[in-house]
Amino acid sequence: MINRILVSACLVGFKARYDGSEKAQMTDQLQRWQKEHRLVIHCPELAAGLPIPRPPAEIVSTDGKDVMLAQIRILEITGQDVTESYQLAAWLALRTAQESGCTAALLTDGSPTCGSQFIYDGSFSGQRKSGMGVAASLLTEHGIAVFSEKRLADLIDWIDEKER
């Protein structure tokens, strides 16, 4: 069975990040997987209707799991509460992954949605902390293996192991 992978749109060159940029990581392996129709390219924030550009947003206090439990908020640097938009983004990412048969996700670290190794601490000072964004947390909770772009080699190993 072929394993499909949900991939952050910004990692394959779409200018979907909050500031209108991308973080293209189209390695030979990702290009090969794209030709094999494994990649499901998705931007949770765009799916939820968030604009480009948009003010930076950070999870206040803990991480995405607590946001999904409605215990913690996501605020923009302007002070605007955007929690519900980011919760919707997470649910849409999960639905896309499930409907497409994804077993794994390759997401952009640091994002309040896609971060899987780290997120920012909510102070808008550039300080990182360990934790997951809302989509990474929800995907993990529903059995989808989540990898950051810096862990592509781990994802390759994971896929190889699953398909042996």
N, C-alpha and C. Protein backbone atom coordinates (compact mmCIF):
# COMPACT_ATOMS: atom_id res chain seq x y z
N MET A 1 0.84 -1.19 0.00
CA MET A 1 0.00 0.00 0.00
C MET A 1 0.88 1.25 0.00
N ILE A 2 0.51 2.20 -0.80
CA ILE A 2 1.24 3.46 -0.89
C ILE A 2 0.77 4.41 0.22
N ASN A 3 1.71 5.00 0.92
CA ASN A 3 1.39 5.95 1.98
C ASN A 3 1.32 7.35 1.39
N ARG A 4 0.22 8.04 1.64
CA ARG A 4 0.06 9.42 1.17
C ARG A 4 0.47 10.36 2.29
N ILE A 5 0.92 11.56 1.89
CA ILE A 5 1.50 12.51 2.84
C ILE A 5 0.86 13.88 2.65
N LEU A 6 0.29 14.41 3.71
CA LEU A 6 -0.20 15.78 3.71
C LEU A 6 1.01 16.69 3.83
N VAL A 7 1.14 17.68 2.94
CA VAL A 7 2.32 18.54 2.94
C VAL A 7 1.89 20.00 3.00
N SER A 8 2.52 20.76 3.89
CA SER A 8 2.27 22.21 3.95
C SER A 8 2.54 22.82 2.58
N ALA A 9 1.58 23.58 2.07
CA ALA A 9 1.70 24.18 0.74
C ALA A 9 2.95 25.05 0.62
N CYS A 10 3.33 25.73 1.69
CA CYS A 10 4.49 26.62 1.62
C CYS A 10 5.79 25.84 1.41
N LEU A 11 5.80 24.55 1.75
CA LEU A 11 7.01 23.74 1.57
C LEU A 11 7.24 23.34 0.12
N VAL A 12 6.22 23.47 -0.69
CA VAL A 12 6.37 23.13 -2.11
C VAL A 12 6.27 24.36 -3.00
N GLY A 13 6.46 25.54 -2.39
CA GLY A 13 6.60 26.75 -3.17
C GLY A 13 5.41 27.69 -3.22
N PHE A 14 4.30 27.33 -2.61
CA PHE A 14 3.16 28.25 -2.58
C PHE A 14 3.43 29.36 -1.58
N LYS A 15 3.18 30.58 -1.97
CA LYS A 15 3.40 31.74 -1.10
C LYS A 15 2.20 31.89 -0.17
N ALA A 16 2.11 30.99 0.78
CA ALA A 16 0.94 30.87 1.65
C ALA A 16 1.22 31.26 3.10
N ARG A 17 2.45 31.56 3.43
CA ARG A 17 2.77 31.91 4.82
C ARG A 17 2.15 33.25 5.21
N TYR A 18 2.11 33.52 6.49
CA TYR A 18 1.46 34.74 6.99
C TYR A 18 1.97 36.00 6.30
N ASP A 19 3.26 36.00 5.92
CA ASP A 19 3.86 37.19 5.31
C ASP A 19 3.92 37.11 3.78
N GLY A 20 3.24 36.12 3.22
CA GLY A 20 3.21 35.96 1.77
C GLY A 20 4.42 35.26 1.19
N SER A 21 5.22 34.65 2.03
CA SER A 21 6.42 33.95 1.55
C SER A 21 6.16 32.44 1.47
N GLU A 22 7.17 31.73 1.03
CA GLU A 22 7.13 30.27 0.99
C GLU A 22 8.40 29.73 1.64
N LYS A 23 8.44 28.43 1.87
CA LYS A 23 9.63 27.79 2.43
C LYS A 23 9.95 26.55 1.60
N ALA A 24 10.08 26.76 0.30
CA ALA A 24 10.21 25.64 -0.63
C ALA A 24 11.29 24.65 -0.18
N GLN A 25 10.90 23.40 -0.11
CA GLN A 25 11.79 22.31 0.28
C GLN A 25 11.67 21.18 -0.74
N MET A 26 11.46 21.51 -2.02
CA MET A 26 11.22 20.47 -3.03
C MET A 26 12.49 19.70 -3.32
N THR A 27 12.79 18.78 -2.43
CA THR A 27 13.95 17.90 -2.60
C THR A 27 13.64 16.87 -3.68
N ASP A 28 14.65 16.14 -4.07
CA ASP A 28 14.45 15.06 -5.04
C ASP A 28 13.41 14.07 -4.53
N GLN A 29 13.47 13.77 -3.23
CA GLN A 29 12.52 12.82 -2.66
C GLN A 29 11.08 13.33 -2.75
N LEU A 30 10.86 14.60 -2.41
CA LEU A 30 9.50 15.16 -2.51
C LEU A 30 9.03 15.18 -3.96
N GLN A 31 9.92 15.50 -4.88
CA GLN A 31 9.55 15.49 -6.29
C GLN A 31 9.17 14.08 -6.74
N ARG A 32 9.91 13.10 -6.27
CA ARG A 32 9.61 11.70 -6.60
C ARG A 32 8.24 11.31 -6.03
N TRP A 33 8.01 11.68 -4.78
CA TRP A 33 6.71 11.37 -4.18
C TRP A 33 5.57 12.09 -4.90
N GLN A 34 5.83 13.30 -5.35
CA GLN A 34 4.79 14.04 -6.08
C GLN A 34 4.45 13.31 -7.38
N LYS A 35 5.46 12.82 -8.09
CA LYS A 35 5.22 12.06 -9.32
C LYS A 35 4.47 10.77 -9.05
N GLU A 36 4.65 10.21 -7.85
CA GLU A 36 3.95 8.98 -7.45
C GLU A 36 2.55 9.28 -6.90
N HIS A 37 2.16 10.52 -6.91
CA HIS A 37 0.84 10.97 -6.41
C HIS A 37 0.65 10.67 -4.92
N ARG A 38 1.73 10.76 -4.16
CA ARG A 38 1.66 10.57 -2.71
C ARG A 38 1.33 11.86 -1.97
N LEU A 39 1.72 13.00 -2.53
CA LEU A 39 1.61 14.27 -1.81
C LEU A 39 0.21 14.87 -1.94
N VAL A 40 -0.31 15.31 -0.81
CA VAL A 40 -1.56 16.05 -0.76
C VAL A 40 -1.17 17.44 -0.24
N ILE A 41 -1.11 18.39 -1.14
CA ILE A 41 -0.63 19.73 -0.79
C ILE A 41 -1.79 20.53 -0.21
N HIS A 42 -1.55 21.11 0.96
CA HIS A 42 -2.65 21.75 1.70
C HIS A 42 -2.09 22.87 2.58
N CYS A 43 -2.81 23.99 2.63
CA CYS A 43 -2.50 25.04 3.60
C CYS A 43 -3.71 25.18 4.50
N PRO A 44 -3.61 24.76 5.75
CA PRO A 44 -4.75 24.85 6.66
C PRO A 44 -5.29 26.27 6.83
N GLU A 45 -4.38 27.25 6.94
CA GLU A 45 -4.82 28.63 7.15
C GLU A 45 -5.62 29.15 5.96
N LEU A 46 -5.15 28.86 4.75
CA LEU A 46 -5.90 29.29 3.57
C LEU A 46 -7.23 28.58 3.47
N ALA A 47 -7.24 27.29 3.78
CA ALA A 47 -8.49 26.53 3.74
C ALA A 47 -9.52 27.13 4.70
N ALA A 48 -9.03 27.67 5.82
CA ALA A 48 -9.92 28.26 6.83
C ALA A 48 -10.30 29.71 6.49
N GLY A 49 -9.79 30.23 5.38
CA GLY A 49 -10.16 31.57 4.95
C GLY A 49 -9.30 32.70 5.48
N LEU A 50 -8.18 32.37 6.12
CA LEU A 50 -7.28 33.42 6.58
C LEU A 50 -6.59 34.07 5.39
N PRO A 51 -6.39 35.39 5.42
CA PRO A 51 -5.82 36.10 4.27
C PRO A 51 -4.30 36.01 4.21
N ILE A 52 -3.77 36.38 3.06
CA ILE A 52 -2.33 36.56 2.87
C ILE A 52 -2.16 37.98 2.35
N PRO A 53 -1.32 38.78 2.96
CA PRO A 53 -0.66 38.53 4.24
C PRO A 53 -1.66 38.66 5.39
N ARG A 54 -1.20 38.23 6.55
CA ARG A 54 -1.99 38.35 7.78
C ARG A 54 -1.02 38.65 8.91
N PRO A 55 -1.49 39.26 9.98
CA PRO A 55 -0.59 39.53 11.10
C PRO A 55 -0.06 38.22 11.70
N PRO A 56 1.16 38.23 12.20
CA PRO A 56 1.67 37.05 12.88
C PRO A 56 0.74 36.67 14.04
N ALA A 57 0.60 35.36 14.25
CA ALA A 57 -0.23 34.85 15.33
C ALA A 57 0.57 33.83 16.13
N GLU A 58 0.34 33.81 17.43
CA GLU A 58 1.03 32.87 18.30
C GLU A 58 0.07 32.30 19.33
N ILE A 59 0.37 31.10 19.75
CA ILE A 59 -0.41 30.44 20.80
C ILE A 59 0.02 31.03 22.14
N VAL A 60 -0.95 31.50 22.90
CA VAL A 60 -0.67 32.10 24.20
C VAL A 60 -0.58 30.98 25.23
N SER A 61 0.54 30.83 25.84
CA SER A 61 0.78 29.90 26.94
C SER A 61 1.27 28.55 26.46
N THR A 62 0.43 27.54 26.38
CA THR A 62 0.92 26.17 26.16
C THR A 62 1.05 25.83 24.68
N ASP A 63 0.18 24.94 24.17
CA ASP A 63 0.33 24.53 22.77
C ASP A 63 -1.01 24.22 22.11
N GLY A 64 -0.94 23.68 20.91
CA GLY A 64 -2.11 23.46 20.08
C GLY A 64 -3.14 22.52 20.68
N LYS A 65 -2.70 21.55 21.44
CA LYS A 65 -3.66 20.62 22.05
C LYS A 65 -4.61 21.39 22.97
N ASP A 66 -4.07 22.29 23.77
CA ASP A 66 -4.91 23.07 24.67
C ASP A 66 -5.80 24.05 23.92
N VAL A 67 -5.33 24.53 22.77
CA VAL A 67 -6.18 25.39 21.93
C VAL A 67 -7.38 24.59 21.44
N MET A 68 -7.13 23.36 20.99
CA MET A 68 -8.21 22.53 20.48
C MET A 68 -9.19 22.14 21.59
N LEU A 69 -8.74 22.14 22.82
CA LEU A 69 -9.62 21.87 23.97
C LEU A 69 -10.30 23.14 24.46
N ALA A 70 -10.09 24.25 23.75
CA ALA A 70 -10.67 25.56 24.07
C ALA A 70 -10.22 26.07 25.44
N GLN A 71 -9.00 25.71 25.83
CA GLN A 71 -8.45 26.16 27.10
C GLN A 71 -7.48 27.33 26.92
N ILE A 72 -6.93 27.48 25.72
CA ILE A 72 -5.91 28.48 25.42
C ILE A 72 -6.31 29.17 24.12
N ARG A 73 -5.84 30.39 23.92
CA ARG A 73 -6.20 31.19 22.75
C ARG A 73 -5.01 31.38 21.81
N ILE A 74 -5.32 31.72 20.57
CA ILE A 74 -4.32 32.15 19.60
C ILE A 74 -4.62 33.61 19.31
N LEU A 75 -3.61 34.45 19.48
CA LEU A 75 -3.77 35.88 19.25
C LEU A 75 -2.83 36.34 18.16
N GLU A 76 -3.30 37.33 17.39
CA GLU A 76 -2.42 38.00 16.44
C GLU A 76 -1.61 39.04 17.21
N ILE A 77 -0.55 39.51 16.60
CA ILE A 77 0.29 40.53 17.23
C ILE A 77 -0.52 41.80 17.53
N THR A 78 -1.63 41.99 16.82
CA THR A 78 -2.52 43.15 17.03
C THR A 78 -3.39 42.99 18.27
N GLY A 79 -3.41 41.78 18.84
CA GLY A 79 -4.27 41.49 19.97
C GLY A 79 -5.57 40.81 19.58
N GLN A 80 -5.85 40.74 18.29
CA GLN A 80 -7.08 40.09 17.80
C GLN A 80 -7.05 38.60 18.11
N ASP A 81 -8.13 38.08 18.67
CA ASP A 81 -8.28 36.66 18.97
C ASP A 81 -8.69 35.94 17.69
N VAL A 82 -7.85 35.03 17.22
CA VAL A 82 -8.12 34.29 15.99
C VAL A 82 -8.21 32.78 16.26
N THR A 83 -8.50 32.44 17.49
CA THR A 83 -8.55 31.04 17.90
C THR A 83 -9.47 30.21 17.03
N GLU A 84 -10.69 30.69 16.81
CA GLU A 84 -11.67 29.90 16.05
C GLU A 84 -11.21 29.65 14.62
N SER A 85 -10.57 30.61 14.00
CA SER A 85 -10.07 30.41 12.64
C SER A 85 -8.99 29.33 12.61
N TYR A 86 -8.14 29.32 13.61
CA TYR A 86 -7.07 28.33 13.65
C TYR A 86 -7.61 26.95 14.04
N GLN A 87 -8.62 26.90 14.88
CA GLN A 87 -9.26 25.61 15.18
C GLN A 87 -9.88 25.04 13.90
N LEU A 88 -10.57 25.90 13.13
CA LEU A 88 -11.14 25.46 11.85
C LEU A 88 -10.03 24.96 10.93
N ALA A 89 -8.93 25.68 10.87
CA ALA A 89 -7.80 25.26 10.04
C ALA A 89 -7.34 23.85 10.40
N ALA A 90 -7.27 23.57 11.69
CA ALA A 90 -6.85 22.24 12.15
C ALA A 90 -7.84 21.17 11.71
N TRP A 91 -9.12 21.44 11.89
CA TRP A 91 -10.15 20.46 11.50
C TRP A 91 -10.14 20.23 9.99
N LEU A 92 -9.92 21.28 9.22
CA LEU A 92 -9.87 21.13 7.76
C LEU A 92 -8.64 20.33 7.32
N ALA A 93 -7.53 20.53 8.01
CA ALA A 93 -6.33 19.74 7.70
C ALA A 93 -6.59 18.26 8.00
N LEU A 94 -7.23 17.98 9.13
CA LEU A 94 -7.53 16.59 9.47
C LEU A 94 -8.48 15.98 8.44
N ARG A 95 -9.52 16.72 8.08
CA ARG A 95 -10.47 16.19 7.09
C ARG A 95 -9.78 15.92 5.76
N THR A 96 -8.94 16.84 5.31
CA THR A 96 -8.22 16.65 4.05
C THR A 96 -7.33 15.42 4.13
N ALA A 97 -6.61 15.28 5.23
CA ALA A 97 -5.72 14.12 5.39
C ALA A 97 -6.51 12.82 5.39
N GLN A 98 -7.59 12.78 6.14
CA GLN A 98 -8.38 11.55 6.23
C GLN A 98 -9.04 11.21 4.90
N GLU A 99 -9.65 12.21 4.24
CA GLU A 99 -10.33 11.96 2.97
C GLU A 99 -9.35 11.55 1.87
N SER A 100 -8.10 11.96 2.00
CA SER A 100 -7.08 11.65 0.99
C SER A 100 -6.29 10.39 1.33
N GLY A 101 -6.56 9.81 2.48
CA GLY A 101 -5.85 8.60 2.89
C GLY A 101 -4.43 8.83 3.34
N CYS A 102 -4.15 10.01 3.90
CA CYS A 102 -2.79 10.31 4.37
C CYS A 102 -2.50 9.56 5.66
N THR A 103 -1.31 9.00 5.73
CA THR A 103 -0.84 8.34 6.95
C THR A 103 0.21 9.19 7.67
N ALA A 104 0.71 10.21 6.96
CA ALA A 104 1.75 11.08 7.52
C ALA A 104 1.54 12.50 7.03
N ALA A 105 2.20 13.44 7.71
CA ALA A 105 2.15 14.85 7.32
C ALA A 105 3.54 15.44 7.46
N LEU A 106 3.89 16.29 6.51
CA LEU A 106 5.14 17.05 6.53
C LEU A 106 4.74 18.51 6.63
N LEU A 107 4.97 19.09 7.80
CA LEU A 107 4.45 20.42 8.11
C LEU A 107 5.56 21.39 8.49
N THR A 108 5.24 22.68 8.35
CA THR A 108 6.20 23.75 8.60
C THR A 108 6.33 24.02 10.09
N ASP A 109 7.51 23.86 10.62
CA ASP A 109 7.72 24.07 12.05
C ASP A 109 7.62 25.55 12.42
N GLY A 110 7.21 25.80 13.67
CA GLY A 110 7.11 27.16 14.19
C GLY A 110 5.73 27.75 14.06
N SER A 111 4.96 27.27 13.13
CA SER A 111 3.62 27.80 12.88
C SER A 111 2.66 27.43 14.00
N PRO A 112 1.72 28.34 14.35
CA PRO A 112 0.72 27.99 15.37
C PRO A 112 -0.24 26.92 14.87
N THR A 113 -0.20 26.65 13.57
CA THR A 113 -1.01 25.58 13.00
C THR A 113 -0.17 24.33 12.78
N CYS A 114 0.93 24.46 12.08
CA CYS A 114 1.69 23.32 11.59
C CYS A 114 2.91 22.94 12.42
N GLY A 115 3.32 23.76 13.35
CA GLY A 115 4.51 23.44 14.14
C GLY A 115 4.40 22.07 14.79
N SER A 116 5.45 21.28 14.68
CA SER A 116 5.42 19.96 15.32
C SER A 116 6.56 19.76 16.31
N GLN A 117 7.67 20.45 16.11
CA GLN A 117 8.79 20.38 17.04
C GLN A 117 8.79 21.59 17.97
N PHE A 118 8.46 22.76 17.38
CA PHE A 118 8.44 23.98 18.19
C PHE A 118 7.38 24.94 17.68
N ILE A 119 6.96 25.81 18.56
CA ILE A 119 6.09 26.94 18.25
C ILE A 119 6.68 28.15 18.95
N TYR A 120 6.14 29.31 18.68
CA TYR A 120 6.61 30.50 19.37
C TYR A 120 5.83 30.67 20.67
N ASP A 121 6.43 31.35 21.63
CA ASP A 121 5.93 31.33 23.02
C ASP A 121 4.77 32.27 23.32
N GLY A 122 4.26 32.99 22.34
CA GLY A 122 3.11 33.86 22.56
C GLY A 122 3.47 35.28 22.93
N SER A 123 4.76 35.59 23.02
CA SER A 123 5.19 36.93 23.41
C SER A 123 5.55 37.80 22.20
N PHE A 124 5.55 37.21 21.00
CA PHE A 124 5.93 37.90 19.77
C PHE A 124 7.34 38.49 19.86
N SER A 125 8.20 37.79 20.60
CA SER A 125 9.59 38.23 20.76
C SER A 125 10.57 37.33 20.02
N GLY A 126 10.04 36.38 19.26
CA GLY A 126 10.90 35.44 18.54
C GLY A 126 11.37 34.27 19.37
N GLN A 127 10.87 34.16 20.59
CA GLN A 127 11.27 33.06 21.47
C GLN A 127 10.51 31.79 21.12
N ARG A 128 11.25 30.72 20.90
CA ARG A 128 10.66 29.43 20.58
C ARG A 128 10.50 28.60 21.84
N LYS A 129 9.57 27.64 21.76
CA LYS A 129 9.43 26.64 22.82
C LYS A 129 8.99 25.33 22.18
N SER A 130 9.27 24.24 22.83
CA SER A 130 8.81 22.94 22.35
C SER A 130 7.29 22.94 22.37
N GLY A 131 6.71 22.32 21.36
CA GLY A 131 5.26 22.21 21.32
C GLY A 131 4.77 22.04 19.90
N MET A 132 3.47 21.81 19.80
CA MET A 132 2.82 21.58 18.52
C MET A 132 1.76 22.63 18.28
N GLY A 133 1.57 22.95 17.01
CA GLY A 133 0.48 23.80 16.61
C GLY A 133 -0.83 23.01 16.59
N VAL A 134 -1.91 23.69 16.28
CA VAL A 134 -3.23 23.07 16.37
C VAL A 134 -3.42 21.92 15.37
N ALA A 135 -3.02 22.09 14.12
CA ALA A 135 -3.21 21.01 13.14
C ALA A 135 -2.27 19.84 13.44
N ALA A 136 -1.02 20.12 13.75
CA ALA A 136 -0.08 19.04 14.07
C ALA A 136 -0.59 18.23 15.26
N SER A 137 -1.11 18.91 16.25
CA SER A 137 -1.64 18.24 17.43
C SER A 137 -2.85 17.36 17.08
N LEU A 138 -3.78 17.92 16.32
CA LEU A 138 -4.99 17.19 15.96
C LEU A 138 -4.68 16.00 15.05
N LEU A 139 -3.79 16.18 14.10
CA LEU A 139 -3.40 15.08 13.22
C LEU A 139 -2.76 13.95 14.03
N THR A 140 -1.86 14.31 14.93
CA THR A 140 -1.20 13.31 15.77
C THR A 140 -2.22 12.55 16.61
N GLU A 141 -3.14 13.29 17.19
CA GLU A 141 -4.18 12.69 18.03
C GLU A 141 -5.02 11.68 17.25
N HIS A 142 -5.14 11.88 15.95
CA HIS A 142 -5.94 10.99 15.11
C HIS A 142 -5.08 9.98 14.34
N GLY A 143 -3.85 9.74 14.80
CA GLY A 143 -3.03 8.66 14.28
C GLY A 143 -2.24 8.97 13.03
N ILE A 144 -2.15 10.23 12.65
CA ILE A 144 -1.36 10.61 11.48
C ILE A 144 0.01 11.07 11.98
N ALA A 145 1.05 10.43 11.50
CA ALA A 145 2.42 10.75 11.92
C ALA A 145 2.82 12.11 11.35
N VAL A 146 3.30 12.99 12.21
CA VAL A 146 3.64 14.36 11.80
C VAL A 146 5.14 14.57 11.90
N PHE A 147 5.70 15.16 10.83
CA PHE A 147 7.12 15.45 10.74
C PHE A 147 7.30 16.91 10.33
N SER A 148 8.32 17.56 10.88
CA SER A 148 8.66 18.91 10.45
C SER A 148 9.53 18.82 9.20
N GLU A 149 9.67 19.94 8.50
CA GLU A 149 10.50 19.95 7.30
C GLU A 149 11.95 19.61 7.62
N LYS A 150 12.38 19.83 8.84
CA LYS A 150 13.75 19.51 9.23
C LYS A 150 13.92 18.01 9.53
N ARG A 151 12.81 17.29 9.55
CA ARG A 151 12.85 15.85 9.83
C ARG A 151 12.46 15.04 8.59
N LEU A 152 12.75 15.57 7.41
CA LEU A 152 12.41 14.85 6.18
C LEU A 152 13.07 13.47 6.15
N ALA A 153 14.31 13.37 6.57
CA ALA A 153 14.99 12.06 6.57
C ALA A 153 14.24 11.06 7.46
N ASP A 154 13.70 11.52 8.59
CA ASP A 154 12.92 10.64 9.46
C ASP A 154 11.64 10.19 8.76
N LEU A 155 11.01 11.10 8.02
CA LEU A 155 9.80 10.74 7.27
C LEU A 155 10.13 9.70 6.20
N ILE A 156 11.23 9.89 5.50
CA ILE A 156 11.64 8.92 4.48
C ILE A 156 11.83 7.55 5.11
N ASP A 157 12.53 7.49 6.25
CA ASP A 157 12.73 6.22 6.95
C ASP A 157 11.39 5.62 7.40
N TRP A 158 10.50 6.46 7.91
CA TRP A 158 9.19 6.02 8.38
C TRP A 158 8.39 5.39 7.25
N ILE A 159 8.39 6.07 6.07
CA ILE A 159 7.67 5.55 4.91
C ILE A 159 8.30 4.22 4.46
N ASP A 160 9.62 4.17 4.38
CA ASP A 160 10.30 2.93 3.97
C ASP A 160 9.93 1.78 4.90
N GLU A 161 9.93 2.04 6.19
CA GLU A 161 9.58 1.01 7.18
C GLU A 161 8.14 0.53 7.00
N LYS A 162 7.22 1.47 6.80
CA LYS A 162 5.80 1.12 6.65
C LYS A 162 5.56 0.31 5.38
N GLU A 163 6.36 0.53 4.35
CA GLU A 163 6.10 -0.12 3.07
C GLU A 163 6.93 -1.36 2.83
N ARG A 164 7.70 -1.76 3.83
CA ARG A 164 8.48 -3.01 3.69
C ARG A 164 7.58 -4.20 3.77
